[in-house]
PDB file of N, CA and C in Angstrom:
ATOM      1  N   MET A   1       0.799  -1.104  -0.026  1.00  0.00           N
ATOM      2  CA  MET A   1      -0.111   0.007  -0.152  1.00  0.00           C
ATOM      3  C   MET A   1       0.954   0.715  -0.250  1.00  0.00           C
ATOM      4  N   PRO A   2       0.687   2.473  -0.570  1.00  0.00           N
ATOM      5  CA  PRO A   2       1.806   3.518  -1.042  1.00  0.00           C
ATOM      6  C   PRO A   2       1.300   4.177   0.379  1.00  0.00           C
ATOM      7  N   GLU A   3       2.498   4.788   0.372  1.00  0.00           N
ATOM      8  CA  GLU A   3       2.360   5.597   1.903  1.00  0.00           C
ATOM      9  C   GLU A   3       1.910   6.913   1.595  1.00  0.00           C
ATOM     10  N   LEU A   4       0.931   7.415   2.502  1.00  0.00           N
ATOM     11  CA  LEU A   4       0.157   8.634   2.112  1.00  0.00           C
ATOM     12  C   LEU A   4       0.710   9.974   2.859  1.00  0.00           C
ATOM     13  N   ARG A   5       1.287  10.785   2.050  1.00  0.00           N
ATOM     14  CA  ARG A   5       2.220  12.335   2.827  1.00  0.00           C
ATOM     15  C   ARG A   5       1.520  12.929   2.329  1.00  0.00           C
ATOM     16  N   THR A   6       1.431  13.857   3.686  1.00  0.00           N
ATOM     17  CA  THR A   6       0.901  15.162   3.678  1.00  0.00           C
ATOM     18  C   THR A   6       2.056  16.366   3.427  1.00  0.00           C
ATOM     19  N   PRO A   7       1.237  17.618   2.530  1.00  0.00           N
ATOM     20  CA  PRO A   7       2.106  18.092   2.353  1.00  0.00           C
ATOM     21  C   PRO A   7       2.836  19.163   3.390  1.00  0.00           C
ATOM     22  N   PRO A   8       3.807  19.792   3.213  1.00  0.00           N
ATOM     23  CA  PRO A   8       3.961  20.678   4.646  1.00  0.00           C
ATOM     24  C   PRO A   8       3.551  22.075   4.479  1.00  0.00           C
ATOM     25  N   ALA A   9       3.224  22.119   5.840  1.00  0.00           N
ATOM     26  CA  ALA A   9       2.661  23.649   6.350  1.00  0.00           C
ATOM     27  C   ALA A   9       3.498  24.495   5.912  1.00  0.00           C
ATOM     28  N   PRO A  10       2.912  25.859   5.217  1.00  0.00           N
ATOM     29  CA  PRO A  10       3.685  26.437   4.841  1.00  0.00           C
ATOM     30  C   PRO A  10       4.458  27.472   5.966  1.00  0.00           C
ATOM     31  N   VAL A  11       5.143  27.825   5.860  1.00  0.00           N
ATOM     32  CA  VAL A  11       5.989  28.993   6.635  1.00  0.00           C
ATOM     33  C   VAL A  11       5.191  30.360   7.040  1.00  0.00           C
ATOM     34  N   LEU A  12       4.326  30.391   8.259  1.00  0.00           N
ATOM     35  CA  LEU A  12       3.456  31.421   8.379  1.00  0.00           C
ATOM     36  C   LEU A  12       4.714  32.632   8.995  1.00  0.00           C
ATOM     37  N   ARG A  13       4.895  33.972   8.455  1.00  0.00           N
ATOM     38  CA  ARG A  13       5.865  34.998   8.689  1.00  0.00           C
ATOM     39  C   ARG A  13       5.215  36.386   9.353  1.00  0.00           C
ATOM     40  N   ALA A  14       5.159  36.523  10.950  1.00  0.00           N
ATOM     41  CA  ALA A  14       4.411  38.041  12.003  1.00  0.00           C
ATOM     42  C   ALA A  14       5.443  39.017  11.580  1.00  0.00           C
ATOM     43  N   PRO A  15       5.000  40.197  11.182  1.00  0.00           N
ATOM     44  CA  PRO A  15       5.952  41.337  10.956  1.00  0.00           C
ATOM     45  C   PRO A  15       6.729  41.363  12.034  1.00  0.00           C
ATOM     46  N   ALA A  16       7.669  41.731  11.776  1.00  0.00           N
ATOM     47  CA  ALA A  16       9.252  41.737  12.218  1.00  0.00           C
ATOM     48  C   ALA A  16       9.307  42.460  14.026  1.00  0.00           C
ATOM     49  N   ALA A  17       8.162  43.281  14.285  1.00  0.00           N
ATOM     50  CA  ALA A  17       8.027  44.211  15.335  1.00  0.00           C
ATOM     51  C   ALA A  17       7.609  42.977  16.393  1.00  0.00           C
ATOM     52  N   ALA A  18       6.970  41.941  15.742  1.00  0.00           N
ATOM     53  CA  ALA A  18       5.860  41.042  16.411  1.00  0.00           C
ATOM     54  C   ALA A  18       7.032  39.818  16.852  1.00  0.00           C
ATOM     55  N   ALA A  19       6.762  39.398  18.313  1.00  0.00           N
ATOM     56  CA  ALA A  19       7.693  38.179  18.567  1.00  0.00           C
ATOM     57  C   ALA A  19       6.492  37.130  18.560  1.00  0.00           C
ATOM     58  N   ALA A  20       6.386  36.553  17.798  1.00  0.00           N
ATOM     59  CA  ALA A  20       5.218  35.719  17.697  1.00  0.00           C
ATOM     60  C   ALA A  20       5.680  34.232  17.655  1.00  0.00           C
ATOM     61  N   THR A  21       5.441  33.078  18.104  1.00  0.00           N
ATOM     62  CA  THR A  21       5.985  31.920  17.600  1.00  0.00           C
ATOM     63  C   THR A  21       4.772  31.503  16.951  1.00  0.00           C
ATOM     64  N   VAL A  22       5.372  30.407  15.827  1.00  0.00           N
ATOM     65  CA  VAL A  22       4.518  29.837  14.973  1.00  0.00           C
ATOM     66  C   VAL A  22       4.885  28.574  15.418  1.00  0.00           C
ATOM     67  N   LEU A  23       3.608  27.681  16.071  1.00  0.00           N
ATOM     68  CA  LEU A  23       4.116  26.113  16.314  1.00  0.00           C
ATOM     69  C   LEU A  23       4.032  25.396  14.759  1.00  0.00           C
ATOM     70  N   PRO A  24       5.552  24.699  14.757  1.00  0.00           N
ATOM     71  CA  PRO A  24       4.949  23.960  13.146  1.00  0.00           C
ATOM     72  C   PRO A  24       4.222  23.536  12.704  1.00  0.00           C
ATOM     73  N   GLY A  25       3.959  23.474  11.872  1.00  0.00           N
ATOM     74  CA  GLY A  25       2.660  22.517  11.022  1.00  0.00           C
ATOM     75  C   GLY A  25       1.043  22.630  12.072  1.00  0.00           C
ATOM     76  N   THR A  26       1.140  23.585  12.446  1.00  0.00           N
ATOM     77  CA  THR A  26      -0.297  23.936  12.744  1.00  0.00           C
ATOM     78  C   THR A  26      -0.546  25.441  12.212  1.00  0.00           C
ATOM     79  N   GLY A  27      -0.334  26.486  11.997  1.00  0.00           N
ATOM     80  CA  GLY A  27      -0.818  27.608  11.748  1.00  0.00           C
ATOM     81  C   GLY A  27      -0.932  28.352  12.679  1.00  0.00           C
ATOM     82  N   THR A  28      -0.780  27.900  13.774  1.00  0.00           N
ATOM     83  CA  THR A  28      -1.134  28.591  15.070  1.00  0.00           C
ATOM     84  C   THR A  28      -0.144  29.276  15.800  1.00  0.00           C
ATOM     85  N   GLU A  29      -0.557  30.595  16.029  1.00  0.00           N
ATOM     86  CA  GLU A  29       0.469  31.536  16.763  1.00  0.00           C
ATOM     87  C   GLU A  29       0.396  31.287  18.111  1.00  0.00           C
ATOM     88  N   THR A  30       1.434  31.580  18.705  1.00  0.00           N
ATOM     89  CA  THR A  30       1.583  31.960  20.289  1.00  0.00           C
ATOM     90  C   THR A  30       1.972  32.694  20.825  1.00  0.00           C
ATOM     91  N   GLY A  31       1.269  33.816  21.759  1.00  0.00           N
ATOM     92  CA  GLY A  31       2.032  35.039  21.958  1.00  0.00           C
ATOM     93  C   GLY A  31       2.193  35.907  21.415  1.00  0.00           C
ATOM     94  N   GLY A  32       2.647  37.222  21.855  1.00  0.00           N
ATOM     95  CA  GLY A  32       3.497  38.018  21.001  1.00  0.00           C
ATOM     96  C   GLY A  32       3.065  38.683  19.967  1.00  0.00           C
ATOM     97  N   THR A  33       1.358  39.275  20.160  1.00  0.00           N
ATOM     98  CA  THR A  33       0.790  39.426  19.193  1.00  0.00           C
ATOM     99  C   THR A  33       1.199  41.186  19.257  1.00  0.00           C
ATOM    100  N   THR A  34       2.065  41.550  20.029  1.00  0.00           N
ATOM    101  CA  THR A  34       2.815  43.263  19.743  1.00  0.00           C
ATOM    102  C   THR A  34       3.080  43.560  18.907  1.00  0.00           C
ATOM    103  N   GLY A  35       2.541  44.913  18.119  1.00  0.00           N
ATOM    104  CA  GLY A  35       3.084  45.236  16.687  1.00  0.00           C
ATOM    105  C   GLY A  35       2.235  44.428  15.512  1.00  0.00           C
ATOM    106  N   LEU A  36       1.518  43.791  15.510  1.00  0.00           N
ATOM    107  CA  LEU A  36       0.195  43.286  14.661  1.00  0.00           C
ATOM    108  C   LEU A  36      -0.712  44.118  14.773  1.00  0.00           C
ATOM    109  N   ALA A  37      -1.345  44.724  13.779  1.00  0.00           N
ATOM    110  CA  ALA A  37      -2.225  45.783  13.679  1.00  0.00           C
ATOM    111  C   ALA A  37      -3.731  45.122  13.978  1.00  0.00           C
ATOM    112  N   PRO A  38      -4.072  45.599  15.227  1.00  0.00           N
ATOM    113  CA  PRO A  38      -5.427  44.889  16.057  1.00  0.00           C
ATOM    114  C   PRO A  38      -7.057  44.861  14.937  1.00  0.00           C
ATOM    115  N   ASP A  39      -6.559  46.065  14.408  1.00  0.00           N
ATOM    116  CA  ASP A  39      -7.760  46.576  13.733  1.00  0.00           C
ATOM    117  C   ASP A  39      -7.775  45.658  12.367  1.00  0.00           C
ATOM    118  N   LEU A  40      -6.833  45.072  11.972  1.00  0.00           N
ATOM    119  CA  LEU A  40      -6.862  44.458  10.617  1.00  0.00           C
ATOM    120  C   LEU A  40      -7.624  42.881  10.836  1.00  0.00           C
ATOM    121  N   PRO A  41      -8.035  42.495   9.808  1.00  0.00           N
ATOM    122  CA  PRO A  41      -8.964  40.824   9.887  1.00  0.00           C
ATOM    123  C   PRO A  41      -7.789  40.252   9.729  1.00  0.00           C
ATOM    124  N   TRP A  42      -7.709  38.689  10.401  1.00  0.00           N
ATOM    125  CA  TRP A  42      -7.184  37.411   9.885  1.00  0.00           C
ATOM    126  C   TRP A  42      -7.903  37.048   8.598  1.00  0.00           C
ATOM    127  N   ASN A  43      -7.131  36.524   7.275  1.00  0.00           N
ATOM    128  CA  ASN A  43      -7.629  35.800   6.362  1.00  0.00           C
ATOM    129  C   ASN A  43      -7.426  33.955   6.778  1.00  0.00           C
ATOM    130  N   VAL A  44      -8.448  33.271   6.444  1.00  0.00           N
ATOM    131  CA  VAL A  44      -7.912  32.087   5.965  1.00  0.00           C
ATOM    132  C   VAL A  44      -8.042  31.577   5.107  1.00  0.00           C
ATOM    133  N   VAL A  45      -6.474  30.983   4.546  1.00  0.00           N
ATOM    134  CA  VAL A  45      -6.022  30.928   3.472  1.00  0.00           C
ATOM    135  C   VAL A  45      -6.126  29.257   3.480  1.00  0.00           C
ATOM    136  N   VAL A  46      -6.640  28.411   2.156  1.00  0.00           N
ATOM    137  CA  VAL A  46      -6.543  27.368   1.404  1.00  0.00           C
ATOM    138  C   VAL A  46      -5.790  27.025   0.537  1.00  0.00           C
ATOM    139  N   TRP A  47      -4.558  25.946   0.586  1.00  0.00           N
ATOM    140  CA  TRP A  47      -3.979  25.687  -0.218  1.00  0.00           C
ATOM    141  C   TRP A  47      -3.937  24.715  -1.340  1.00  0.00           C
ATOM    142  N   ASP A  48      -3.359  24.657  -2.415  1.00  0.00           N
ATOM    143  CA  ASP A  48      -3.642  23.555  -3.110  1.00  0.00           C
ATOM    144  C   ASP A  48      -2.846  22.026  -2.904  1.00  0.00           C
ATOM    145  N   ASP A  49      -3.152  21.114  -2.998  1.00  0.00           N
ATOM    146  CA  ASP A  49      -2.421  19.992  -2.517  1.00  0.00           C
ATOM    147  C   ASP A  49      -2.980  18.948  -3.643  1.00  0.00           C
ATOM    148  N   PRO A  50      -2.325  17.908  -3.737  1.00  0.00           N
ATOM    149  CA  PRO A  50      -2.136  17.402  -4.634  1.00  0.00           C
ATOM    150  C   PRO A  50      -2.909  15.852  -4.083  1.00  0.00           C
ATOM    151  N   VAL A  51      -3.951  16.173  -3.355  1.00  0.00           N
ATOM    152  CA  VAL A  51      -4.680  15.076  -2.773  1.00  0.00           C
ATOM    153  C   VAL A  51      -6.151  14.959  -2.815  1.00  0.00           C
ATOM    154  N   ASN A  52      -6.593  16.365  -3.155  1.00  0.00           N
ATOM    155  CA  ASN A  52      -7.910  16.519  -2.528  1.00  0.00           C
ATOM    156  C   ASN A  52      -8.449  16.840  -4.263  1.00  0.00           C
ATOM    157  N   LEU A  53      -9.639  16.024  -4.422  1.00  0.00           N
ATOM    158  CA  LEU A  53     -10.274  16.317  -5.649  1.00  0.00           C
ATOM    159  C   LEU A  53     -10.811  17.864  -5.623  1.00  0.00           C
ATOM    160  N   MET A  54     -11.137  18.441  -6.818  1.00  0.00           N
ATOM    161  CA  MET A  54     -11.666  19.646  -6.741  1.00  0.00           C
ATOM    162  C   MET A  54     -13.425  19.298  -6.120  1.00  0.00           C
ATOM    163  N   SER A  55     -13.850  18.740  -6.505  1.00  0.00           N
ATOM    164  CA  SER A  55     -15.326  18.263  -6.138  1.00  0.00           C
ATOM    165  C   SER A  55     -15.219  18.485  -4.593  1.00  0.00           C
ATOM    166  N   TYR A  56     -14.287  17.681  -4.188  1.00  0.00           N
ATOM    167  CA  TYR A  56     -14.552  17.494  -2.343  1.00  0.00           C
ATOM    168  C   TYR A  56     -14.588  19.016  -2.015  1.00  0.00           C
ATOM    169  N   VAL A  57     -13.198  19.801  -2.420  1.00  0.00           N
ATOM    170  CA  VAL A  57     -12.760  21.245  -2.007  1.00  0.00           C
ATOM    171  C   VAL A  57     -13.982  21.767  -1.836  1.00  0.00           C
ATOM    172  N   THR A  58     -14.971  21.905  -2.994  1.00  0.00           N
ATOM    173  CA  THR A  58     -16.112  22.287  -3.260  1.00  0.00           C
ATOM    174  C   THR A  58     -17.378  22.141  -2.414  1.00  0.00           C
ATOM    175  N   TRP A  59     -17.232  20.989  -2.282  1.00  0.00           N
ATOM    176  CA  TRP A  59     -18.139  20.353  -1.114  1.00  0.00           C
ATOM    177  C   TRP A  59     -18.108  20.897   0.049  1.00  0.00           C
ATOM    178  N   VAL A  60     -16.510  20.856   0.504  1.00  0.00           N
ATOM    179  CA  VAL A  60     -16.655  21.524   1.944  1.00  0.00           C
ATOM    180  C   VAL A  60     -16.681  22.744   2.143  1.00  0.00           C
ATOM    181  N   PHE A  61     -16.001  23.543   1.231  1.00  0.00           N
ATOM    182  CA  PHE A  61     -16.742  25.240   0.891  1.00  0.00           C
ATOM    183  C   PHE A  61     -18.209  25.273   1.207  1.00  0.00           C
ATOM    184  N   ARG A  62     -18.564  24.323   0.611  1.00  0.00           N
ATOM    185  CA  ARG A  62     -20.232  24.780   0.833  1.00  0.00           C
ATOM    186  C   ARG A  62     -20.985  23.858   1.982  1.00  0.00           C
ATOM    187  N   SER A  63     -20.283  22.877   2.582  1.00  0.00           N
ATOM    188  CA  SER A  63     -20.869  22.391   3.980  1.00  0.00           C
ATOM    189  C   SER A  63     -20.426  23.147   5.118  1.00  0.00           C
ATOM    190  N   TYR A  64     -19.114  23.659   5.057  1.00  0.00           N
ATOM    191  CA  TYR A  64     -19.144  24.184   6.140  1.00  0.00           C
ATOM    192  C   TYR A  64     -19.159  25.634   6.371  1.00  0.00           C
ATOM    193  N   PHE A  65     -18.813  26.508   5.207  1.00  0.00           N
ATOM    194  CA  PHE A  65     -18.911  27.825   5.132  1.00  0.00           C
ATOM    195  C   PHE A  65     -20.710  27.982   4.935  1.00  0.00           C
ATOM    196  N   GLY A  66     -21.035  26.823   4.099  1.00  0.00           N
ATOM    197  CA  GLY A  66     -22.476  27.651   3.559  1.00  0.00           C
ATOM    198  C   GLY A  66     -22.235  28.104   2.337  1.00  0.00           C
ATOM    199  N   TYR A  67     -21.520  28.285   1.751  1.00  0.00           N
ATOM    200  CA  TYR A  67     -21.399  28.987   0.185  1.00  0.00           C
ATOM    201  C   TYR A  67     -22.292  28.402  -0.763  1.00  0.00           C
ATOM    202  N   PRO A  68     -22.793  29.233  -1.708  1.00  0.00           N
ATOM    203  CA  PRO A  68     -23.664  28.800  -2.744  1.00  0.00           C
ATOM    204  C   PRO A  68     -22.392  28.296  -3.510  1.00  0.00           C
ATOM    205  N   GLU A  69     -23.011  27.292  -4.516  1.00  0.00           N
ATOM    206  CA  GLU A  69     -22.853  26.689  -5.598  1.00  0.00           C
ATOM    207  C   GLU A  69     -21.179  27.461  -6.126  1.00  0.00           C
ATOM    208  N   GLU A  70     -22.068  28.482  -6.756  1.00  0.00           N
ATOM    209  CA  GLU A  70     -20.995  29.405  -7.575  1.00  0.00           C
ATOM    210  C   GLU A  70     -19.646  29.684  -6.710  1.00  0.00           C
ATOM    211  N   ARG A  71     -19.798  30.642  -5.491  1.00  0.00           N
ATOM    212  CA  ARG A  71     -18.725  31.205  -4.571  1.00  0.00           C
ATOM    213  C   ARG A  71     -17.997  29.894  -4.253  1.00  0.00           C
ATOM    214  N   ALA A  72     -18.339  28.762  -4.209  1.00  0.00           N
ATOM    215  CA  ALA A  72     -17.481  27.504  -3.356  1.00  0.00           C
ATOM    216  C   ALA A  72     -16.354  27.296  -4.435  1.00  0.00           C
ATOM    217  N   ARG A  73     -17.292  27.095  -5.942  1.00  0.00           N
ATOM    218  CA  ARG A  73     -16.487  26.621  -7.229  1.00  0.00           C
ATOM    219  C   ARG A  73     -15.372  27.797  -7.716  1.00  0.00           C
ATOM    220  N   ALA A  74     -15.782  29.232  -7.784  1.00  0.00           N
ATOM    221  CA  ALA A  74     -14.815  30.189  -7.558  1.00  0.00           C
ATOM    222  C   ALA A  74     -13.437  30.023  -6.626  1.00  0.00           C
ATOM    223  N   LEU A  75     -14.123  30.194  -5.148  1.00  0.00           N
ATOM    224  CA  LEU A  75     -12.673  29.998  -4.788  1.00  0.00           C
ATOM    225  C   LEU A  75     -12.155  28.272  -4.785  1.00  0.00           C
ATOM    226  N   MET A  76     -12.642  27.350  -4.839  1.00  0.00           N
ATOM    227  CA  MET A  76     -11.469  26.441  -5.337  1.00  0.00           C
ATOM    228  C   MET A  76     -11.013  26.415  -6.781  1.00  0.00           C
ATOM    229  N   LEU A  77     -11.589  27.098  -7.468  1.00  0.00           N
ATOM    230  CA  LEU A  77     -10.631  27.583  -8.547  1.00  0.00           C
ATOM    231  C   LEU A  77      -9.583  28.183  -8.462  1.00  0.00           C
ATOM    232  N   GLU A  78      -9.926  29.249  -7.918  1.00  0.00           N
ATOM    233  CA  GLU A  78      -8.650  30.004  -7.157  1.00  0.00           C
ATOM    234  C   GLU A  78      -7.467  29.273  -6.631  1.00  0.00           C
ATOM    235  N   VAL A  79      -8.085  28.422  -5.610  1.00  0.00           N
ATOM    236  CA  VAL A  79      -6.769  27.383  -4.999  1.00  0.00           C
ATOM    237  C   VAL A  79      -6.443  26.579  -6.236  1.00  0.00           C
ATOM    238  N   HIS A  80      -7.273  26.007  -7.094  1.00  0.00           N
ATOM    239  CA  HIS A  80      -6.589  25.390  -8.320  1.00  0.00           C
ATOM    240  C   HIS A  80      -5.841  25.990  -8.878  1.00  0.00           C
ATOM    241  N   HIS A  81      -6.005  27.134  -9.384  1.00  0.00           N
ATOM    242  CA  HIS A  81      -4.926  27.637 -10.320  1.00  0.00           C
ATOM    243  C   HIS A  81      -3.778  28.655  -9.766  1.00  0.00           C
ATOM    244  N   SER A  82      -4.340  29.523  -8.906  1.00  0.00           N
ATOM    245  CA  SER A  82      -3.100  30.018  -7.969  1.00  0.00           C
ATOM    246  C   SER A  82      -2.477  29.589  -6.890  1.00  0.00           C
ATOM    247  N   GLY A  83      -2.780  28.438  -6.473  1.00  0.00           N
ATOM    248  CA  GLY A  83      -2.049  27.702  -5.856  1.00  0.00           C
ATOM    249  C   GLY A  83      -2.828  28.048  -4.082  1.00  0.00           C
ATOM    250  N   ARG A  84      -3.695  29.271  -3.972  1.00  0.00           N
ATOM    251  CA  ARG A  84      -4.488  29.896  -2.605  1.00  0.00           C
ATOM    252  C   ARG A  84      -5.670  30.322  -2.827  1.00  0.00           C
ATOM    253  N   SER A  85      -6.172  30.141  -1.753  1.00  0.00           N
ATOM    254  CA  SER A  85      -7.530  31.362  -1.977  1.00  0.00           C
ATOM    255  C   SER A  85      -7.554  31.684  -0.698  1.00  0.00           C
ATOM    256  N   VAL A  86      -8.092  33.140  -0.443  1.00  0.00           N
ATOM    257  CA  VAL A  86      -8.242  33.634   0.979  1.00  0.00           C
ATOM    258  C   VAL A  86     -10.088  33.330   1.089  1.00  0.00           C
ATOM    259  N   VAL A  87     -10.523  31.863   1.555  1.00  0.00           N
ATOM    260  CA  VAL A  87     -11.782  31.360   1.577  1.00  0.00           C
ATOM    261  C   VAL A  87     -12.590  32.592   2.586  1.00  0.00           C
ATOM    262  N   ALA A  88     -12.266  32.589   3.807  1.00  0.00           N
ATOM    263  CA  ALA A  88     -12.781  33.649   4.953  1.00  0.00           C
ATOM    264  C   ALA A  88     -11.714  34.487   5.755  1.00  0.00           C
ATOM    265  N   SER A  89     -12.546  35.624   6.270  1.00  0.00           N
ATOM    266  CA  SER A  89     -11.688  36.508   7.295  1.00  0.00           C
ATOM    267  C   SER A  89     -12.479  36.639   8.236  1.00  0.00           C
ATOM    268  N   GLY A  90     -11.991  37.378   9.181  1.00  0.00           N
ATOM    269  CA  GLY A  90     -12.310  37.502  10.710  1.00  0.00           C
ATOM    270  C   GLY A  90     -11.422  37.757  12.177  1.00  0.00           C
ATOM    271  N   SER A  91     -11.824  37.685  13.327  1.00  0.00           N
ATOM    272  CA  SER A  91     -11.231  37.456  13.999  1.00  0.00           C
ATOM    273  C   SER A  91     -10.107  36.818  14.339  1.00  0.00           C
ATOM    274  N   LEU A  92      -8.976  36.980  14.820  1.00  0.00           N
ATOM    275  CA  LEU A  92      -8.067  36.034  15.079  1.00  0.00           C
ATOM    276  C   LEU A  92      -8.391  34.412  15.421  1.00  0.00           C
ATOM    277  N   GLU A  93      -9.322  34.592  16.525  1.00  0.00           N
ATOM    278  CA  GLU A  93     -10.448  33.591  17.130  1.00  0.00           C
ATOM    279  C   GLU A  93     -11.349  32.633  16.109  1.00  0.00           C
ATOM    280  N   GLU A  94     -11.723  33.595  15.594  1.00  0.00           N
ATOM    281  CA  GLU A  94     -12.326  32.700  14.046  1.00  0.00           C
ATOM    282  C   GLU A  94     -11.725  32.521  12.911  1.00  0.00           C
ATOM    283  N   ALA A  95     -10.548  32.785  12.824  1.00  0.00           N
ATOM    284  CA  ALA A  95      -9.662  32.320  11.933  1.00  0.00           C
ATOM    285  C   ALA A  95      -8.684  30.862  12.369  1.00  0.00           C
ATOM    286  N   GLU A  96      -8.520  30.746  13.398  1.00  0.00           N
ATOM    287  CA  GLU A  96      -8.152  29.332  14.167  1.00  0.00           C
ATOM    288  C   GLU A  96      -9.523  28.643  14.042  1.00  0.00           C
ATOM    289  N   THR A  97     -10.826  28.822  14.311  1.00  0.00           N
ATOM    290  CA  THR A  97     -11.693  28.079  14.237  1.00  0.00           C
ATOM    291  C   THR A  97     -11.346  27.422  13.139  1.00  0.00           C
ATOM    292  N   HIS A  98     -11.561  28.332  11.976  1.00  0.00           N
ATOM    293  CA  HIS A  98     -11.836  27.875  10.694  1.00  0.00           C
ATOM    294  C   HIS A  98     -10.895  26.998  10.210  1.00  0.00           C
ATOM    295  N   THR A  99      -9.554  27.255  10.627  1.00  0.00           N
ATOM    296  CA  THR A  99      -8.560  26.698  10.284  1.00  0.00           C
ATOM    297  C   THR A  99      -8.287  25.353  10.974  1.00  0.00           C
ATOM    298  N   ALA A 100      -8.610  25.185  11.838  1.00  0.00           N
ATOM    299  CA  ALA A 100      -8.862  24.170  12.579  1.00  0.00           C
ATOM    300  C   ALA A 100      -9.614  23.052  11.749  1.00  0.00           C
ATOM    301  N   ALA A 101     -10.925  23.662  11.814  1.00  0.00           N
ATOM    302  CA  ALA A 101     -11.965  22.826  10.977  1.00  0.00           C
ATOM    303  C   ALA A 101     -11.443  22.474   9.450  1.00  0.00           C
ATOM    304  N   LEU A 102     -11.303  23.059   8.855  1.00  0.00           N
ATOM    305  CA  LEU A 102     -10.451  23.162   7.532  1.00  0.00           C
ATOM    306  C   LEU A 102      -9.801  21.604   7.602  1.00  0.00           C
ATOM    307  N   HIS A 103      -8.995  21.618   8.935  1.00  0.00           N
ATOM    308  CA  HIS A 103      -7.983  20.463   8.856  1.00  0.00           C
ATOM    309  C   HIS A 103      -8.961  19.464   9.128  1.00  0.00           C
ATOM    310  N   GLY A 104      -9.893  19.512  10.032  1.00  0.00           N
ATOM    311  CA  GLY A 104     -10.227  18.657   9.991  1.00  0.00           C
ATOM    312  C   GLY A 104     -10.762  17.398   8.792  1.00  0.00           C
ATOM    313  N   PHE A 105     -11.159  18.506   7.708  1.00  0.00           N
ATOM    314  CA  PHE A 105     -12.010  18.160   6.593  1.00  0.00           C
ATOM    315  C   PHE A 105     -10.548  17.103   5.212  1.00  0.00           C
ATOM    316  N   GLY A 106      -9.357  17.620   6.179  1.00  0.00           N
ATOM    317  CA  GLY A 106      -8.177  17.076   5.290  1.00  0.00           C
ATOM    318  C   GLY A 106      -7.617  18.290   4.046  1.00  0.00           C
ATOM    319  N   LEU A 107      -8.252  19.550   4.673  1.00  0.00           N
ATOM    320  CA  LEU A 107      -7.912  20.480   3.414  1.00  0.00           C
ATOM    321  C   LEU A 107      -6.521  21.152   4.113  1.00  0.00           C
ATOM    322  N   TRP A 108      -5.015  21.899   3.391  1.00  0.00           N
ATOM    323  CA  TRP A 108      -4.337  22.272   3.866  1.00  0.00           C
ATOM    324  C   TRP A 108      -4.710  24.079   4.122  1.00  0.00           C
ATOM    325  N   ALA A 109      -5.084  24.157   5.269  1.00  0.00           N
ATOM    326  CA  ALA A 109      -5.177  25.725   5.510  1.00  0.00           C
ATOM    327  C   ALA A 109      -4.157  25.953   6.389  1.00  0.00           C
ATOM    328  N   THR A 110      -3.975  27.451   6.302  1.00  0.00           N
ATOM    329  CA  THR A 110      -3.657  28.261   7.235  1.00  0.00           C
ATOM    330  C   THR A 110      -4.434  29.710   7.653  1.00  0.00           C
ATOM    331  N   PHE A 111      -3.760  30.419   8.268  1.00  0.00           N
ATOM    332  CA  PHE A 111      -4.262  31.913   8.405  1.00  0.00           C
ATOM    333  C   PHE A 111      -3.013  33.042   8.426  1.00  0.00           C
ATOM    334  N   GLU A 112      -3.365  33.953   8.358  1.00  0.00           N
ATOM    335  CA  GLU A 112      -2.485  35.513   7.927  1.00  0.00           C
ATOM    336  C   GLU A 112      -3.309  36.884   8.227  1.00  0.00           C
ATOM    337  N   GLN A 113      -2.601  37.581   8.926  1.00  0.00           N
ATOM    338  CA  GLN A 113      -3.224  38.532   9.238  1.00  0.00           C
ATOM    339  C   GLN A 113      -3.516  38.986   7.569  1.00  0.00           C
ATOM    340  N   ALA A 114      -4.439  40.250   7.198  1.00  0.00           N
ATOM    341  CA  ALA A 114      -4.761  40.601   5.943  1.00  0.00           C
ATOM    342  C   ALA A 114      -3.867  41.697   5.859  1.00  0.00           C
ATOM    343  N   GLY A 115      -3.359  42.154   4.744  1.00  0.00           N
ATOM    344  CA  GLY A 115      -2.343  43.138   4.635  1.00  0.00           C
ATOM    345  C   GLY A 115      -0.984  42.627   4.419  1.00  0.00           C
ATOM    346  N   GLY A 116      -0.828  41.617   5.217  1.00  0.00           N
ATOM    347  CA  GLY A 116       0.867  40.953   5.411  1.00  0.00           C
ATOM    348  C   GLY A 116       1.124  39.796   4.792  1.00  0.00           C
ATOM    349  N   ARG A 117       0.728  40.115   3.409  1.00  0.00           N
ATOM    350  CA  ARG A 117       1.513  38.783   2.685  1.00  0.00           C
ATOM    351  C   ARG A 117       2.711  39.086   2.286  1.00  0.00           C
TER     352      ARG A 117
END
């Protein structure tokens, strides 16, 4: 039976003024949010992977976020063609919750503060 491999999580980088620590492979920052703009939302990013079918990714966006078919499909195509897509935005806590839920569906997801790419 072939070994299933999970793609590595991207390295999240906090602004230089922040002393945040990113836990490897989780997309979760701990402490040190000093220097981050508190008024900016956090984006949930889904990354392209070689494992999940496009129809499955669309289904996840529809079932978890409640997006209509057209929006879910457009986001999935952005993931497929651009390698990533911002699928939700909100507070840090919301971004952490969405990211963890997407991991539960087997998607490669991270979060980042808006404007910090």
